[in-house]
Amino acid sequence: MSVKVYVEGGGDHNKALDAACRRGFTESFRKAGLEDRMPRVVSCGGRGGAFNSFRTSHNNAGDYYFPILLVDSEADMAGLDAWEHVGRRDGWQRPDGASPDQLHLMVQAMEAWFHADKETVQEYYGRGFRPAALSPRPDIDNIPKADLFAGLKAATRACPTKGEYSKGGHSFEILAMVDPGKVRASSPVHVGRLLNVLDRICVR
């Protein structure tokens, strides 16, 4: 069975950004131990587009492939499970037959993953990077979205080579570099569950 991961990320009608998004997630999954049984990453732009693409894929999947939706939670989940959260926040109805294993959240934003491996982010930016500006919370699932971006902006403001953090320009390059083992350890509920599901269903 083929596994497709429909991700929130990339740019609507921006081929270069879509390619960067696919490379970033593909490299992250490869480093997580899926090298010989990789899922196919589908860059979908905005979260609404990701859900619509996933829903269409799910409705047409049959027994041929297993679609997964991977999006930001955008906000605190208040104890809800993933489908309950997107139902309440986005008004998304869980497609008939869709399982819990088919929806995963990158905690409040993908940038939370970077906070699990600050050393690699510092290596990427080099001189002028201020790691102390990033949230010190070890539980990256609970770092508010606003703090994720504010911290990255503050930490990179004085970096002469890369410049200030850019969502499109830097994010997927950093994603390809960070250690997924550290991300899993800092987010066992969300990233850990995602990688466990992929490890189980992606077969050689």
C-alpha atoms as a PDB file:
ATOM      1  CA  MET A   1       0.000   0.000   0.000  1.00  0.00           C
ATOM      2  CA  SER A   2       1.300   3.441  -0.952  1.00  0.00           C
ATOM      3  CA  VAL A   3       1.308   6.135   1.761  1.00  0.00           C
ATOM      4  CA  LYS A   4       0.745   9.787   0.859  1.00  0.00           C
ATOM      5  CA  VAL A   5       1.212  12.609   3.374  1.00  0.00           C
ATOM      6  CA  TYR A   6      -0.719  15.764   2.482  1.00  0.00           C
ATOM      7  CA  VAL A   7       1.086  18.577   4.264  1.00  0.00           C
ATOM      8  CA  GLU A   8       0.189  22.160   5.017  1.00  0.00           C
ATOM      9  CA  GLY A   9       3.105  24.019   3.521  1.00  0.00           C
ATOM     10  CA  GLY A  10       4.644  25.299   0.348  1.00  0.00           C
ATOM     11  CA  GLY A  11       3.057  27.996  -1.732  1.00  0.00           C
ATOM     12  CA  ASP A  12      -0.167  28.000  -3.679  1.00  0.00           C
ATOM     13  CA  HIS A  13       0.974  27.950  -7.327  1.00  0.00           C
ATOM     14  CA  ASN A  14       4.620  28.453  -6.261  1.00  0.00           C
ATOM     15  CA  LYS A  15       6.533  25.504  -7.705  1.00  0.00           C
ATOM     16  CA  ALA A  16       9.849  26.368  -6.063  1.00  0.00           C
ATOM     17  CA  LEU A  17       8.308  26.621  -2.590  1.00  0.00           C
ATOM     18  CA  ASP A  18       6.310  23.436  -3.126  1.00  0.00           C
ATOM     19  CA  ALA A  19       9.507  21.608  -4.080  1.00  0.00           C
ATOM     20  CA  ALA A  20      11.309  22.988  -1.008  1.00  0.00           C
ATOM     21  CA  CYS A  21       8.438  21.817   1.205  1.00  0.00           C
ATOM     22  CA  ARG A  22       8.541  18.313  -0.242  1.00  0.00           C
ATOM     23  CA  ARG A  23      12.312  18.127   0.175  1.00  0.00           C
ATOM     24  CA  GLY A  24      12.152  19.294   3.781  1.00  0.00           C
ATOM     25  CA  PHE A  25       9.563  16.771   4.915  1.00  0.00           C
ATOM     26  CA  THR A  26      11.013  13.972   2.808  1.00  0.00           C
ATOM     27  CA  GLU A  27      14.449  14.460   4.353  1.00  0.00           C
ATOM     28  CA  SER A  28      12.952  14.614   7.843  1.00  0.00           C
ATOM     29  CA  PHE A  29      11.115  11.318   7.313  1.00  0.00           C
ATOM     30  CA  ARG A  30      14.228   9.732   5.805  1.00  0.00           C
ATOM     31  CA  LYS A  31      16.300  10.698   8.845  1.00  0.00           C
ATOM     32  CA  ALA A  32      13.559   9.313  11.096  1.00  0.00           C
ATOM     33  CA  GLY A  33      14.282   5.814   9.766  1.00  0.00           C
ATOM     34  CA  LEU A  34      12.000   5.519   6.744  1.00  0.00           C
ATOM     35  CA  GLU A  35      14.704   5.681   4.070  1.00  0.00           C
ATOM     36  CA  ASP A  36      13.827   2.396   2.353  1.00  0.00           C
ATOM     37  CA  ARG A  37      10.052   2.797   2.639  1.00  0.00           C
ATOM     38  CA  MET A  38       9.349   6.470   2.181  1.00  0.00           C
ATOM     39  CA  PRO A  39       5.841   7.933   2.079  1.00  0.00           C
ATOM     40  CA  ARG A  40       5.119  10.336  -0.750  1.00  0.00           C
ATOM     41  CA  VAL A  41       4.911  13.948   0.458  1.00  0.00           C
ATOM     42  CA  VAL A  42       2.299  16.148  -1.237  1.00  0.00           C
ATOM     43  CA  SER A  43       2.747  19.891  -0.695  1.00  0.00           C
ATOM     44  CA  CYS A  44      -0.666  21.564  -0.508  1.00  0.00           C
ATOM     45  CA  GLY A  45      -0.077  25.227   0.327  1.00  0.00           C
ATOM     46  CA  GLY A  46      -2.603  26.489   2.887  1.00  0.00           C
ATOM     47  CA  ARG A  47      -4.343  24.322   5.454  1.00  0.00           C
ATOM     48  CA  GLY A  48      -7.691  24.489   3.680  1.00  0.00           C
ATOM     49  CA  GLY A  49      -6.125  23.211   0.494  1.00  0.00           C
ATOM     50  CA  ALA A  50      -4.392  20.449   2.424  1.00  0.00           C
ATOM     51  CA  PHE A  51      -7.672  19.272   3.932  1.00  0.00           C
ATOM     52  CA  ASN A  52      -9.488  19.375   0.587  1.00  0.00           C
ATOM     53  CA  SER A  53      -6.715  17.404  -1.130  1.00  0.00           C
ATOM     54  CA  PHE A  54      -6.657  14.859   1.682  1.00  0.00           C
ATOM     55  CA  ARG A  55     -10.441  14.465   1.641  1.00  0.00           C
ATOM     56  CA  THR A  56     -10.495  13.862  -2.118  1.00  0.00           C
ATOM     57  CA  SER A  57      -7.653  11.379  -1.816  1.00  0.00           C
ATOM     58  CA  HIS A  58      -9.352   9.548   1.059  1.00  0.00           C
ATOM     59  CA  ASN A  59     -12.623   9.278  -0.845  1.00  0.00           C
ATOM     60  CA  ASN A  60     -10.822   7.753  -3.845  1.00  0.00           C
ATOM     61  CA  ALA A  61      -8.164   5.717  -2.075  1.00  0.00           C
ATOM     62  CA  GLY A  62      -9.800   2.315  -1.999  1.00  0.00           C
ATOM     63  CA  ASP A  63      -7.250  -0.343  -1.087  1.00  0.00           C
ATOM     64  CA  TYR A  64      -4.469   1.211  -3.143  1.00  0.00           C
ATOM     65  CA  TYR A  65      -3.040   3.885  -0.874  1.00  0.00           C
ATOM     66  CA  PHE A  66      -3.327   5.389   2.590  1.00  0.00           C
ATOM     67  CA  PRO A  67      -3.647   9.203   2.745  1.00  0.00           C
ATOM     68  CA  ILE A  68      -2.521  11.154   5.825  1.00  0.00           C
ATOM     69  CA  LEU A  69      -3.209  14.822   6.604  1.00  0.00           C
ATOM     70  CA  LEU A  70      -0.463  16.788   8.402  1.00  0.00           C
ATOM     71  CA  VAL A  71      -1.287  20.363   9.442  1.00  0.00           C
ATOM     72  CA  ASP A  72      -0.551  22.863  12.213  1.00  0.00           C
ATOM     73  CA  SER A  73      -2.933  22.915  15.154  1.00  0.00           C
ATOM     74  CA  GLU A  74      -2.705  26.755  15.065  1.00  0.00           C
ATOM     75  CA  ALA A  75      -3.838  26.964  18.700  1.00  0.00           C
ATOM     76  CA  ASP A  76      -3.938  25.119  22.011  1.00  0.00           C
ATOM     77  CA  MET A  77      -5.929  21.902  21.677  1.00  0.00           C
ATOM     78  CA  ALA A  78      -7.537  22.153  25.122  1.00  0.00           C
ATOM     79  CA  GLY A  79      -7.467  18.392  25.633  1.00  0.00           C
ATOM     80  CA  LEU A  80      -9.232  17.568  22.371  1.00  0.00           C
ATOM     81  CA  ASP A  81      -8.048  14.859  20.006  1.00  0.00           C
ATOM     82  CA  ALA A  82      -6.929  15.870  16.525  1.00  0.00           C
ATOM     83  CA  TRP A  83     -10.221  15.390  14.682  1.00  0.00           C
ATOM     84  CA  GLU A  84     -12.167  17.104  17.459  1.00  0.00           C
ATOM     85  CA  HIS A  85      -9.759  20.035  17.368  1.00  0.00           C
ATOM     86  CA  VAL A  86      -9.981  20.687  13.624  1.00  0.00           C
ATOM     87  CA  GLY A  87     -13.734  20.157  13.764  1.00  0.00           C
ATOM     88  CA  ARG A  88     -14.118  22.829  16.404  1.00  0.00           C
ATOM     89  CA  ARG A  89     -11.486  25.253  15.075  1.00  0.00           C
ATOM     90  CA  ASP A  90     -11.845  24.846  11.308  1.00  0.00           C
ATOM     91  CA  GLY A  91     -15.266  23.285  10.886  1.00  0.00           C
ATOM     92  CA  TRP A  92     -13.740  20.248   9.165  1.00  0.00           C
ATOM     93  CA  GLN A  93     -15.893  17.145   9.239  1.00  0.00           C
ATOM     94  CA  ARG A  94     -14.039  13.880   9.547  1.00  0.00           C
ATOM     95  CA  PRO A  95     -14.540  12.012   6.252  1.00  0.00           C
ATOM     96  CA  ASP A  96     -16.497   8.780   6.473  1.00  0.00           C
ATOM     97  CA  GLY A  97     -14.158   5.938   7.283  1.00  0.00           C
ATOM     98  CA  ALA A  98     -11.184   8.146   8.174  1.00  0.00           C
ATOM     99  CA  SER A  99      -9.227   6.857  11.169  1.00  0.00           C
ATOM    100  CA  PRO A 100      -7.338   8.705  13.916  1.00  0.00           C
ATOM    101  CA  ASP A 101      -4.129   7.575  12.191  1.00  0.00           C
ATOM    102  CA  GLN A 102      -4.967   9.741   9.171  1.00  0.00           C
ATOM    103  CA  LEU A 103      -4.760  13.148  10.882  1.00  0.00           C
ATOM    104  CA  HIS A 104      -1.651  14.490  12.586  1.00  0.00           C
ATOM    105  CA  LEU A 105      -0.833  17.937  13.932  1.00  0.00           C
ATOM    106  CA  MET A 106       2.529  19.720  13.855  1.00  0.00           C
ATOM    107  CA  VAL A 107       1.595  21.126  17.263  1.00  0.00           C
ATOM    108  CA  GLN A 108       0.725  24.842  17.106  1.00  0.00           C
ATOM    109  CA  ALA A 109       3.054  25.346  14.104  1.00  0.00           C
ATOM    110  CA  MET A 110       5.832  23.475  12.333  1.00  0.00           C
ATOM    111  CA  GLU A 111       8.314  25.919  13.869  1.00  0.00           C
ATOM    112  CA  ALA A 112       7.842  24.109  17.180  1.00  0.00           C
ATOM    113  CA  TRP A 113       9.962  21.312  15.689  1.00  0.00           C
ATOM    114  CA  PHE A 114      12.890  23.751  15.417  1.00  0.00           C
ATOM    115  CA  HIS A 115      12.700  24.491  19.142  1.00  0.00           C
ATOM    116  CA  ALA A 116      13.497  20.841  19.844  1.00  0.00           C
ATOM    117  CA  ASP A 117      16.883  21.169  18.133  1.00  0.00           C
ATOM    118  CA  LYS A 118      18.149  24.674  18.824  1.00  0.00           C
ATOM    119  CA  GLU A 119      21.745  23.650  18.161  1.00  0.00           C
ATOM    120  CA  THR A 120      20.984  22.869  14.524  1.00  0.00           C
ATOM    121  CA  VAL A 121      19.031  26.102  14.077  1.00  0.00           C
ATOM    122  CA  GLN A 122      22.013  27.997  15.473  1.00  0.00           C
ATOM    123  CA  GLU A 123      24.303  26.142  13.060  1.00  0.00           C
ATOM    124  CA  TYR A 124      22.067  27.149  10.148  1.00  0.00           C
ATOM    125  CA  TYR A 125      22.078  30.861  11.013  1.00  0.00           C
ATOM    126  CA  GLY A 126      25.628  31.144  12.311  1.00  0.00           C
ATOM    127  CA  ARG A 127      27.030  34.412  13.617  1.00  0.00           C
ATOM    128  CA  GLY A 128      24.571  36.704  15.362  1.00  0.00           C
ATOM    129  CA  PHE A 129      22.077  33.983  16.323  1.00  0.00           C
ATOM    130  CA  ARG A 130      20.637  34.397  19.834  1.00  0.00           C
ATOM    131  CA  PRO A 131      19.377  31.004  21.127  1.00  0.00           C
ATOM    132  CA  ALA A 132      18.245  32.581  24.409  1.00  0.00           C
ATOM    133  CA  ALA A 133      15.481  34.379  22.471  1.00  0.00           C
ATOM    134  CA  LEU A 134      13.772  31.065  21.738  1.00  0.00           C
ATOM    135  CA  SER A 135      11.245  29.616  24.158  1.00  0.00           C
ATOM    136  CA  PRO A 136      13.013  27.437  26.760  1.00  0.00           C
ATOM    137  CA  ARG A 137      10.002  25.138  27.185  1.00  0.00           C
ATOM    138  CA  PRO A 138      10.976  21.510  26.601  1.00  0.00           C
ATOM    139  CA  ASP A 139       7.345  20.560  25.855  1.00  0.00           C
ATOM    140  CA  ILE A 140       7.212  22.038  22.361  1.00  0.00           C
ATOM    141  CA  ASP A 141       3.580  20.967  21.952  1.00  0.00           C
ATOM    142  CA  ASN A 142       2.569  23.744  24.332  1.00  0.00           C
ATOM    143  CA  ILE A 143       4.576  26.683  22.989  1.00  0.00           C
ATOM    144  CA  PRO A 144       2.012  29.224  21.719  1.00  0.00           C
ATOM    145  CA  LYS A 145       2.202  29.908  18.000  1.00  0.00           C
ATOM    146  CA  ALA A 146       2.881  33.611  18.540  1.00  0.00           C
ATOM    147  CA  ASP A 147       5.850  32.765  20.786  1.00  0.00           C
ATOM    148  CA  LEU A 148       7.292  30.378  18.204  1.00  0.00           C
ATOM    149  CA  PHE A 149       7.489  33.091  15.548  1.00  0.00           C
ATOM    150  CA  ALA A 150       8.415  35.942  17.880  1.00  0.00           C
ATOM    151  CA  GLY A 151      11.274  33.896  19.280  1.00  0.00           C
ATOM    152  CA  LEU A 152      12.643  32.983  15.869  1.00  0.00           C
ATOM    153  CA  LYS A 153      12.424  36.588  14.669  1.00  0.00           C
ATOM    154  CA  ALA A 154      14.239  37.858  17.772  1.00  0.00           C
ATOM    155  CA  ALA A 155      16.868  35.118  17.635  1.00  0.00           C
ATOM    156  CA  THR A 156      17.760  35.819  14.008  1.00  0.00           C
ATOM    157  CA  ARG A 157      17.422  39.598  13.798  1.00  0.00           C
ATOM    158  CA  ALA A 158      21.171  40.186  13.965  1.00  0.00           C
ATOM    159  CA  CYS A 159      22.238  37.325  11.674  1.00  0.00           C
ATOM    160  CA  PRO A 160      24.215  38.873   8.803  1.00  0.00           C
ATOM    161  CA  THR A 161      24.325  35.864   6.479  1.00  0.00           C
ATOM    162  CA  LYS A 162      20.780  34.480   6.457  1.00  0.00           C
ATOM    163  CA  GLY A 163      18.975  37.474   7.870  1.00  0.00           C
ATOM    164  CA  GLU A 164      15.778  37.348   9.909  1.00  0.00           C
ATOM    165  CA  TYR A 165      13.739  34.145   9.939  1.00  0.00           C
ATOM    166  CA  SER A 166      11.610  33.731   6.821  1.00  0.00           C
ATOM    167  CA  LYS A 167       8.705  31.297   6.798  1.00  0.00           C
ATOM    168  CA  GLY A 168       9.148  30.381   3.155  1.00  0.00           C
ATOM    169  CA  GLY A 169      12.787  31.146   2.609  1.00  0.00           C
ATOM    170  CA  HIS A 170      14.290  29.324   5.595  1.00  0.00           C
ATOM    171  CA  SER A 171      11.704  26.997   7.125  1.00  0.00           C
ATOM    172  CA  PHE A 172      12.022  23.966   4.872  1.00  0.00           C
ATOM    173  CA  GLU A 173      15.824  24.133   4.751  1.00  0.00           C
ATOM    174  CA  ILE A 174      15.853  24.061   8.559  1.00  0.00           C
ATOM    175  CA  LEU A 175      13.274  21.263   8.616  1.00  0.00           C
ATOM    176  CA  ALA A 176      15.587  19.103   6.513  1.00  0.00           C
ATOM    177  CA  MET A 177      18.432  19.701   8.996  1.00  0.00           C
ATOM    178  CA  VAL A 178      16.851  19.265  12.434  1.00  0.00           C
ATOM    179  CA  ASP A 179      17.135  15.928  14.213  1.00  0.00           C
ATOM    180  CA  PRO A 180      13.758  14.113  14.104  1.00  0.00           C
ATOM    181  CA  GLY A 181      14.830  12.080  17.123  1.00  0.00           C
ATOM    182  CA  LYS A 182      15.029  15.235  19.208  1.00  0.00           C
ATOM    183  CA  VAL A 183      11.695  16.417  17.821  1.00  0.00           C
ATOM    184  CA  ARG A 184      10.064  13.091  18.679  1.00  0.00           C
ATOM    185  CA  ALA A 185      11.463  13.229  22.220  1.00  0.00           C
ATOM    186  CA  SER A 186      10.125  16.767  22.732  1.00  0.00           C
ATOM    187  CA  SER A 187       6.728  15.975  21.212  1.00  0.00           C
ATOM    188  CA  PRO A 188       5.834  12.363  22.044  1.00  0.00           C
ATOM    189  CA  VAL A 189       2.087  12.979  21.758  1.00  0.00           C
ATOM    190  CA  HIS A 190       2.076  14.497  18.278  1.00  0.00           C
ATOM    191  CA  VAL A 191       5.356  13.979  16.429  1.00  0.00           C
ATOM    192  CA  GLY A 192       5.917  10.697  18.215  1.00  0.00           C
ATOM    193  CA  ARG A 193       2.498   9.449  17.152  1.00  0.00           C
ATOM    194  CA  LEU A 194       3.069  10.558  13.544  1.00  0.00           C
ATOM    195  CA  LEU A 195       6.387   8.748  13.277  1.00  0.00           C
ATOM    196  CA  ASN A 196       5.000   5.657  14.997  1.00  0.00           C
ATOM    197  CA  VAL A 197       2.130   5.490  12.498  1.00  0.00           C
ATOM    198  CA  LEU A 198       4.461   5.962   9.528  1.00  0.00           C
ATOM    199  CA  ASP A 199       6.816   3.303  10.890  1.00  0.00           C
ATOM    200  CA  ARG A 200       3.928   0.876  11.160  1.00  0.00           C
ATOM    201  CA  ILE A 201       2.225   1.404   7.814  1.00  0.00           C
ATOM    202  CA  CYS A 202       5.183   2.197   5.539  1.00  0.00           C
ATOM    203  CA  VAL A 203       6.496  -1.206   4.463  1.00  0.00           C
ATOM    204  CA  ARG A 204       9.233  -2.182   2.044  1.00  0.00           C
END
